[in-house]
Each structure stands twice: as C-alpha cells, then as structure tokens.
Amino acid sequence: MNQTDKKNRKIILPGGAGLVGQNLIPRLKAKGYTHIVVLDKHRHNLGVLQQMHPDITAEWADLAAPGPWSKHFEGVDTVVMLQAQIGAKERETYVRNTVTSTRYVLEAIKKYQVPYIVHISSSVLESKAEDYYTQTKKEQEDMVLASGVDNVVLRPTLMFGWFDRKHLGWLSRFMQRVPVFPIPGDGKYLRQPLYVGDFCDIIVSCIEHRRIGGVYHITGMEKIDYIDIIRTIRKAVGAKTMIIHIPYWLFAALLRTWAAFDNNPPFTVPQLKALVTPDVFEVIDWPGIFGVKATPFAKAIQETFLDPTYSKIELEF
C-alpha cells in the first residue's frame, strides 16, 4: 500500500482517548495514516490527545446515546473498537459504556456501510474470574462477531505502556508517592503482561493486511510473578518505597475502605480477586502471525517509564 492510499483511508477509534488509542495514533501516523478520527467522552484524556495530535479529529461523544457523532462513520475504511468500561462499582456503568455503546456504534457502522472492524476484546474472557468487566466484554465481543461486518478480534492480556493510567502506570506513580508499598499475600501471582506498543503494532498489521476472521489471544510472551513486576518497576523509576506483604483479607479490607470514599477507585476488590486467580493464557506465535517483533519485558518497562516525550504524561481514570 502506497502513502497516498494510506492518507485517503479513514480510520475511526471509538474510545480512542484511552491507553490503546493514545499509543496507537502515533504509530498510525508514523505509518503514513493521516485521516484519523477519535470519539471519546473523557474530556481530560481527549484534551491530552488533542494537544499532542492537533492534526487529527478528536471529538467528545457519548457513544451510549444516539447523537451527531455517528456522522463521522461516513466514508470510514476501518473501525478500531476500543470503547469499554474498565473500572466502576456499579454493573449499570459497565453495561452502558461497553454494551449499549457497542449497539449504537454497530448501528452507525451498518448505516454507513463500514467494511471492517478491528475489535479489541480481552483475555479475561478465558479467565476464571467472574466480574462485571468480564461479563460485559463477553457480550460486547459476541455482538461484534454476530454483526455480519468483516472483523478480526484481538484478546490482549494485561497491558502496560505509555499513558497507562489503570495498571502498571498507576502502580508506578503510587510507589513513588508512598514510603510503603503493600503486596497481597506472597505476591507470586503469575502474570503475562503485554506491552501496548507491541499490541498497537498488531492492530496496524491487521489494518494494513486486512486480516479477517478469527479470535486471537495476544498474550505477553514472558510469564512473570506480580511481585517481580513490582520490583522491576521500582528499579526502573528509582522508587525508594519499601515492599511489604500483607494478608489478602487485610488488602481487600483496605480496598473496600478506599472505595467508600472514591466513586471511581483505581483498584477494586473484584480486580484483586482477578489478580490472585491462577490464570495462564495461551501463547500463540503472534510475532509470526502478524509480523511484529516482541519487545522483551525489561526493555518495554524502560521504554514505558523513561521515554522523554510520553512517560510523564498522565491520563485520568
């Protein structure tokens, strides 16, 4: 595909002001794509995106309600479906921002005959954990697969990278602000963290090669205990915090107390349960399938927290 074709292909990112969208846009631009539209209802994060990329269309939109935002789907070549509720206390919030929004986005896709969807699902659909996020992401994925629109489904594991406001990014900021960092239990909970930079390269590969059909589990290539992830981050950011181990029940009690004073807590009891759930996800040859080189975990951590341009930019919950 030549540069002229890329410039003429319109790509729209519902929910594109979050972790994946913020990382995907500079990679799309580096590949020559210039006709990019982001629709999101988080005003602060959308403002961050607009400041960094004034050359793209970034518009506030509540995708869980009909509105003029749907006109942006006219002439679209690819939808990268990113919108979903990551954390909340009420099930209704997950349903509205994951399921209801998808219903309206799919209506716009069909109205304007958009030919292709890259749907960002989640590895939690294969997890033993059962929570509102898992339930609504499953329903969302089923809706896309049943839509009749050509699509590919990507199920990433826990992601980290630039603009990570929810997982490792939040942990890194927290450990730099407190003298003691608590770990539930022994901390030996096996994780397979995925560098969002690699994941975005996979999305770009899907767009470029028009991969259609299939549900792909995109798993971090390295298996790492949670406690070792924390130690690696602490070393990378130069934090002096002391790591201490506390009983699971006490950790859960502290989270419940936090949630009583915070309407949108960064870490919840259901997420704690998911953390300690012993899940090992399938590792496929995604470097070979999508032509993307996997970044080693230690190098990815360095890029995430020491990049002079992006590492200091924080998104809000």
Protein backbone atom coordinates (compact mmCIF):
# COMPACT_ATOMS: atom_id res chain seq x y z
CA MET A 1 0.00 0.00 0.00
CA ASN A 2 1.47 3.36 -1.01
CA GLN A 3 1.45 6.56 1.06
CA THR A 4 -1.35 8.14 -0.98
CA ASP A 5 -3.66 5.19 -0.26
CA LYS A 6 -2.89 5.42 3.45
CA LYS A 7 -3.66 9.12 3.58
CA ASN A 8 -7.03 8.52 1.94
CA ARG A 9 -8.10 5.68 4.26
CA LYS A 10 -10.25 6.99 7.10
CA ILE A 11 -9.78 5.20 10.42
CA ILE A 12 -12.08 5.82 13.40
CA LEU A 13 -11.33 4.94 17.01
CA PRO A 14 -14.38 4.84 19.32
CA GLY A 15 -12.97 5.13 22.84
CA GLY A 16 -9.63 6.18 21.37
CA ALA A 17 -8.52 8.53 24.15
CA GLY A 18 -7.53 5.67 26.46
CA LEU A 19 -4.40 3.56 26.77
CA VAL A 20 -4.53 1.75 23.43
CA GLY A 21 -5.76 4.69 21.37
CA GLN A 22 -3.17 7.10 22.73
CA ASN A 23 -0.42 4.60 21.84
CA LEU A 24 -1.92 3.60 18.50
CA ILE A 25 -2.25 7.08 16.99
CA PRO A 26 1.49 7.96 16.86
CA ARG A 27 2.15 4.55 15.32
CA LEU A 28 -0.55 5.03 12.69
CA LYS A 29 0.83 8.47 11.85
CA ALA A 30 4.34 7.06 11.60
CA LYS A 31 2.99 4.60 9.03
CA GLY A 32 1.52 7.40 6.93
CA TYR A 33 -2.13 7.41 8.03
CA THR A 34 -3.44 10.94 8.42
CA HIS A 35 -7.26 10.65 8.27
CA ILE A 36 -7.87 9.56 11.88
CA VAL A 37 -10.97 10.25 13.99
CA VAL A 38 -11.24 9.67 17.74
CA LEU A 39 -14.59 9.69 19.59
CA ASP A 40 -14.44 9.63 23.37
CA LYS A 41 -16.35 11.10 26.31
CA HIS A 42 -13.45 11.53 28.73
CA ARG A 43 -12.79 15.25 28.37
CA HIS A 44 -9.43 15.38 30.10
CA ASN A 45 -7.92 12.46 28.18
CA LEU A 46 -9.40 13.76 24.95
CA GLY A 47 -7.75 17.10 25.67
CA VAL A 48 -4.39 15.37 26.15
CA LEU A 49 -4.86 13.68 22.79
CA GLN A 50 -5.84 16.93 21.04
CA GLN A 51 -2.82 18.71 22.44
CA MET A 52 -0.41 16.05 21.21
CA HIS A 53 -2.14 15.47 17.86
CA PRO A 54 -3.86 18.65 16.67
CA ASP A 55 -3.78 17.29 13.12
CA ILE A 56 -6.41 14.59 13.75
CA THR A 57 -10.14 14.84 14.51
CA ALA A 58 -10.81 14.26 18.21
CA GLU A 59 -14.38 14.86 19.33
CA TRP A 60 -16.28 14.45 22.58
CA ALA A 61 -19.05 11.89 22.18
CA ASP A 62 -21.25 9.78 24.45
CA LEU A 63 -21.37 6.61 22.40
CA ALA A 64 -24.03 5.11 24.67
CA ALA A 65 -26.61 7.54 23.28
CA PRO A 66 -27.61 8.46 19.72
CA GLY A 67 -26.04 11.68 18.55
CA PRO A 68 -24.38 13.63 15.75
CA TRP A 69 -21.18 11.70 16.41
CA SER A 70 -22.44 8.96 14.09
CA LYS A 71 -21.83 11.15 11.03
CA HIS A 72 -18.09 10.56 11.47
CA PHE A 73 -18.59 6.96 10.30
CA GLU A 74 -19.36 8.12 6.77
CA GLY A 75 -16.55 7.10 4.44
CA VAL A 76 -14.72 5.13 7.14
CA ASP A 77 -12.48 2.28 6.00
CA THR A 78 -11.70 0.70 9.39
CA VAL A 79 -13.16 0.92 12.89
CA VAL A 80 -10.82 0.05 15.74
CA MET A 81 -13.36 -0.60 18.51
CA LEU A 82 -11.81 0.40 21.82
CA GLN A 83 -14.64 1.69 23.99
CA ALA A 84 -15.30 -0.20 27.21
CA GLN A 85 -15.74 0.42 30.92
CA ILE A 86 -12.60 -0.71 32.73
CA GLY A 87 -13.40 0.06 36.34
CA ALA A 88 -16.55 1.01 38.27
CA LYS A 89 -18.58 -0.09 41.26
CA GLU A 90 -21.97 -0.49 39.56
CA ARG A 91 -22.89 -3.02 36.88
CA GLU A 92 -25.04 -0.42 35.11
CA THR A 93 -21.96 1.65 34.28
CA TYR A 94 -20.28 -1.33 32.62
CA VAL A 95 -23.43 -2.17 30.65
CA ARG A 96 -23.88 1.40 29.44
CA ASN A 97 -20.30 2.10 28.37
CA THR A 98 -19.47 -1.35 26.99
CA VAL A 99 -22.67 -2.99 25.76
CA THR A 100 -25.02 -0.09 24.97
CA SER A 101 -22.26 1.93 23.32
CA THR A 102 -21.40 -1.04 21.11
CA ARG A 103 -25.01 -1.33 20.00
CA TYR A 104 -25.01 2.28 18.78
CA VAL A 105 -21.56 2.04 17.22
CA LEU A 106 -22.61 -1.05 15.26
CA GLU A 107 -25.73 0.80 14.10
CA ALA A 108 -23.50 3.58 12.74
CA ILE A 109 -21.18 1.05 11.11
CA LYS A 110 -24.08 -0.59 9.29
CA LYS A 111 -25.74 2.71 8.37
CA TYR A 112 -22.60 3.96 6.64
CA GLN A 113 -21.57 0.51 5.39
CA VAL A 114 -18.17 0.50 7.06
CA PRO A 115 -16.44 -2.64 5.72
CA TYR A 116 -14.05 -3.65 8.50
CA ILE A 117 -13.74 -3.78 12.30
CA VAL A 118 -10.69 -4.49 14.43
CA HIS A 119 -12.31 -5.32 17.76
CA ILE A 120 -10.29 -5.06 20.95
CA SER A 121 -11.65 -7.69 23.31
CA SER A 122 -9.87 -9.06 26.39
CA SER A 123 -8.14 -12.18 27.66
CA VAL A 124 -10.46 -12.12 30.68
CA LEU A 125 -12.98 -13.95 28.51
CA GLU A 126 -10.76 -17.01 29.01
CA SER A 127 -10.18 -16.26 32.68
CA LYS A 128 -11.66 -18.00 35.70
CA ALA A 129 -12.54 -14.59 37.11
CA GLU A 130 -16.20 -13.53 37.02
CA ASP A 131 -16.98 -9.83 37.32
CA TYR A 132 -18.89 -7.05 35.58
CA TYR A 133 -16.00 -6.27 33.26
CA THR A 134 -15.71 -9.86 32.09
CA GLN A 135 -19.46 -10.24 31.63
CA THR A 136 -19.88 -7.09 29.55
CA LYS A 137 -16.76 -7.63 27.47
CA LYS A 138 -18.07 -11.08 26.55
CA GLU A 139 -21.39 -9.61 25.49
CA GLN A 140 -19.60 -6.92 23.50
CA GLU A 141 -17.44 -9.45 21.65
CA ASP A 142 -20.47 -11.59 20.82
CA MET A 143 -22.21 -8.54 19.35
CA VAL A 144 -19.29 -7.80 17.05
CA LEU A 145 -18.95 -11.42 15.91
CA ALA A 146 -22.68 -11.56 15.14
CA SER A 147 -22.74 -8.19 13.37
CA GLY A 148 -22.21 -9.50 9.86
CA VAL A 149 -19.40 -6.98 9.33
CA ASP A 150 -15.95 -8.31 8.41
CA ASN A 151 -13.87 -8.26 11.58
CA VAL A 152 -10.92 -9.60 13.48
CA VAL A 153 -10.98 -9.97 17.27
CA LEU A 154 -7.90 -9.44 19.43
CA ARG A 155 -7.88 -10.52 23.08
CA PRO A 156 -4.94 -8.91 24.87
CA THR A 157 -3.79 -9.76 28.38
CA LEU A 158 -2.92 -7.12 30.98
CA MET A 159 -1.31 -4.26 29.07
CA PHE A 160 1.18 -1.61 30.09
CA GLY A 161 2.99 1.21 28.33
CA TRP A 162 2.74 4.94 27.75
CA PHE A 163 -0.43 6.51 29.20
CA ASP A 164 -1.20 3.50 31.41
CA ARG A 165 -3.50 5.06 33.99
CA LYS A 166 -5.03 1.88 35.39
CA HIS A 167 -2.49 -0.88 35.84
CA LEU A 168 1.31 -0.72 35.95
CA GLY A 169 1.35 3.01 35.27
CA TRP A 170 -0.79 3.72 38.33
CA LEU A 171 1.31 1.35 40.43
CA SER A 172 4.50 3.14 39.38
CA ARG A 173 3.10 6.53 40.41
CA PHE A 174 1.73 5.14 43.66
CA MET A 175 5.04 3.61 44.71
CA GLN A 176 6.81 6.94 44.11
CA ARG A 177 4.41 8.72 46.48
CA VAL A 178 4.31 6.37 49.46
CA PRO A 179 7.03 5.04 51.76
CA VAL A 180 5.47 1.54 51.93
CA PHE A 181 4.03 -0.49 49.06
CA PRO A 182 1.69 -3.33 50.11
CA ILE A 183 1.58 -6.67 48.32
CA PRO A 184 -1.33 -9.09 48.92
CA GLY A 185 -0.08 -12.42 50.20
CA ASP A 186 3.23 -13.66 48.83
CA GLY A 187 2.78 -11.79 45.54
CA LYS A 188 3.56 -14.90 43.49
CA TYR A 189 0.65 -14.50 41.10
CA LEU A 190 1.69 -15.42 37.59
CA ARG A 191 1.03 -12.65 35.04
CA GLN A 192 1.71 -12.37 31.32
CA PRO A 193 1.85 -8.59 30.80
CA LEU A 194 1.65 -7.32 27.24
CA TYR A 195 3.50 -4.22 26.04
CA VAL A 196 0.91 -1.96 24.46
CA GLY A 197 3.46 -0.85 21.85
CA ASP A 198 3.60 -4.40 20.52
CA PHE A 199 -0.19 -4.68 20.66
CA CYS A 200 -0.61 -1.47 18.65
CA ASP A 201 1.78 -2.82 16.03
CA ILE A 202 -0.51 -5.85 15.76
CA ILE A 203 -3.52 -3.57 15.21
CA VAL A 204 -1.64 -1.71 12.49
CA SER A 205 -0.76 -5.06 10.89
CA CYS A 206 -4.47 -6.00 10.85
CA ILE A 207 -5.35 -2.69 9.18
CA GLU A 208 -2.60 -2.96 6.61
CA HIS A 209 -3.15 -6.61 5.68
CA ARG A 210 -6.92 -6.66 6.19
CA ARG A 211 -6.88 -9.76 8.37
CA ILE A 212 -10.47 -11.02 8.56
CA GLY A 213 -11.89 -13.70 10.82
CA GLY A 214 -10.56 -15.34 13.93
CA VAL A 215 -10.22 -14.58 17.62
CA TYR A 216 -6.58 -14.13 18.58
CA HIS A 217 -5.23 -14.32 22.11
CA ILE A 218 -2.47 -11.74 22.31
CA THR A 219 -0.51 -12.70 25.38
CA GLY A 220 2.71 -11.34 26.80
CA MET A 221 5.48 -13.69 25.77
CA GLU A 222 7.06 -13.76 29.25
CA LYS A 223 5.49 -15.23 32.40
CA ILE A 224 6.30 -13.06 35.41
CA ASP A 225 5.12 -13.11 39.02
CA TYR A 226 3.33 -9.98 40.21
CA ILE A 227 5.95 -9.37 42.89
CA ASP A 228 8.71 -9.40 40.24
CA ILE A 229 6.76 -6.95 38.08
CA ILE A 230 6.61 -4.58 41.06
CA ARG A 231 10.33 -4.95 41.72
CA THR A 232 11.18 -4.29 38.07
CA ILE A 233 9.05 -1.13 38.03
CA ARG A 234 10.53 0.09 41.31
CA LYS A 235 14.03 -0.28 39.91
CA ALA A 236 13.15 1.44 36.62
CA VAL A 237 11.58 4.52 38.24
CA GLY A 238 14.10 4.68 41.07
CA ALA A 239 11.45 4.50 43.79
CA LYS A 240 12.63 4.10 47.40
CA THR A 241 9.39 2.62 48.71
CA MET A 242 9.59 -0.46 50.90
CA ILE A 243 7.67 -3.51 49.66
CA ILE A 244 5.76 -5.27 52.41
CA HIS A 245 3.50 -8.33 52.31
CA ILE A 246 0.09 -8.16 54.00
CA PRO A 247 -2.66 -10.77 54.28
CA TYR A 248 -5.16 -10.97 51.44
CA TRP A 249 -8.10 -10.21 53.76
CA LEU A 250 -6.44 -7.03 55.02
CA PHE A 251 -5.63 -5.88 51.50
CA ALA A 252 -9.26 -6.45 50.48
CA ALA A 253 -10.48 -4.53 53.55
CA LEU A 254 -8.27 -1.57 52.63
CA LEU A 255 -9.68 -1.57 49.10
CA ARG A 256 -13.25 -1.59 50.43
CA THR A 257 -12.42 1.36 52.66
CA TRP A 258 -10.88 3.22 49.72
CA ALA A 259 -13.96 2.53 47.58
CA ALA A 260 -16.19 4.04 50.25
CA PHE A 261 -14.54 7.42 49.64
CA ASP A 262 -13.80 7.16 45.90
CA ASN A 263 -16.53 6.79 43.26
CA ASN A 264 -14.00 5.52 40.70
CA PRO A 265 -11.26 3.70 42.62
CA PRO A 266 -8.15 2.72 40.63
CA PHE A 267 -8.12 -0.76 42.14
CA THR A 268 -11.12 -2.71 43.38
CA VAL A 269 -11.84 -5.94 45.26
CA PRO A 270 -13.03 -7.72 42.06
CA GLN A 271 -9.74 -6.73 40.42
CA LEU A 272 -7.87 -8.07 43.44
CA LYS A 273 -9.72 -11.37 43.02
CA ALA A 274 -8.74 -11.39 39.34
CA LEU A 275 -5.13 -10.68 40.30
CA VAL A 276 -4.84 -13.72 42.54
CA THR A 277 -6.83 -16.02 40.22
CA PRO A 278 -4.34 -18.57 38.82
CA ASP A 279 -4.76 -17.99 35.09
CA VAL A 280 -2.24 -18.99 32.43
CA PHE A 281 -3.25 -17.83 28.97
CA GLU A 282 -2.43 -19.44 25.67
CA VAL A 283 0.64 -18.01 23.95
CA ILE A 284 0.33 -18.06 20.18
CA ASP A 285 3.02 -17.12 17.68
CA TRP A 286 1.68 -13.61 17.24
CA PRO A 287 5.08 -12.27 16.19
CA GLY A 288 4.97 -14.71 13.26
CA ILE A 289 1.26 -14.36 12.52
CA PHE A 290 1.22 -10.56 12.45
CA GLY A 291 4.85 -9.85 11.54
CA VAL A 292 5.50 -7.96 14.79
CA LYS A 293 8.65 -8.26 16.90
CA ALA A 294 8.00 -8.84 20.62
CA THR A 295 9.72 -6.37 22.93
CA PRO A 296 11.42 -8.00 25.96
CA PHE A 297 9.66 -7.11 29.23
CA ALA A 298 12.63 -5.34 30.82
CA LYS A 299 13.18 -3.20 27.71
CA ALA A 300 9.46 -2.42 27.48
CA ILE A 301 9.47 -1.24 31.10
CA GLN A 302 12.39 1.07 30.31
CA GLU A 303 10.58 2.50 27.29
CA THR A 304 7.39 2.93 29.30
CA PHE A 305 8.79 4.82 32.27
CA LEU A 306 11.87 6.56 30.87
CA ASP A 307 10.69 7.88 27.50
CA PRO A 308 11.41 11.66 27.43
CA THR A 309 8.24 12.52 25.49
CA TYR A 310 5.48 10.26 26.76
CA SER A 311 6.46 8.76 30.13
CA LYS A 312 5.45 11.81 32.18
CA ILE A 313 2.02 12.29 30.61
CA GLU A 314 -0.78 11.05 32.85
CA LEU A 315 -4.33 10.21 31.85
CA GLU A 316 -7.23 10.33 34.28
CA PHE A 317 -9.50 7.44 35.28
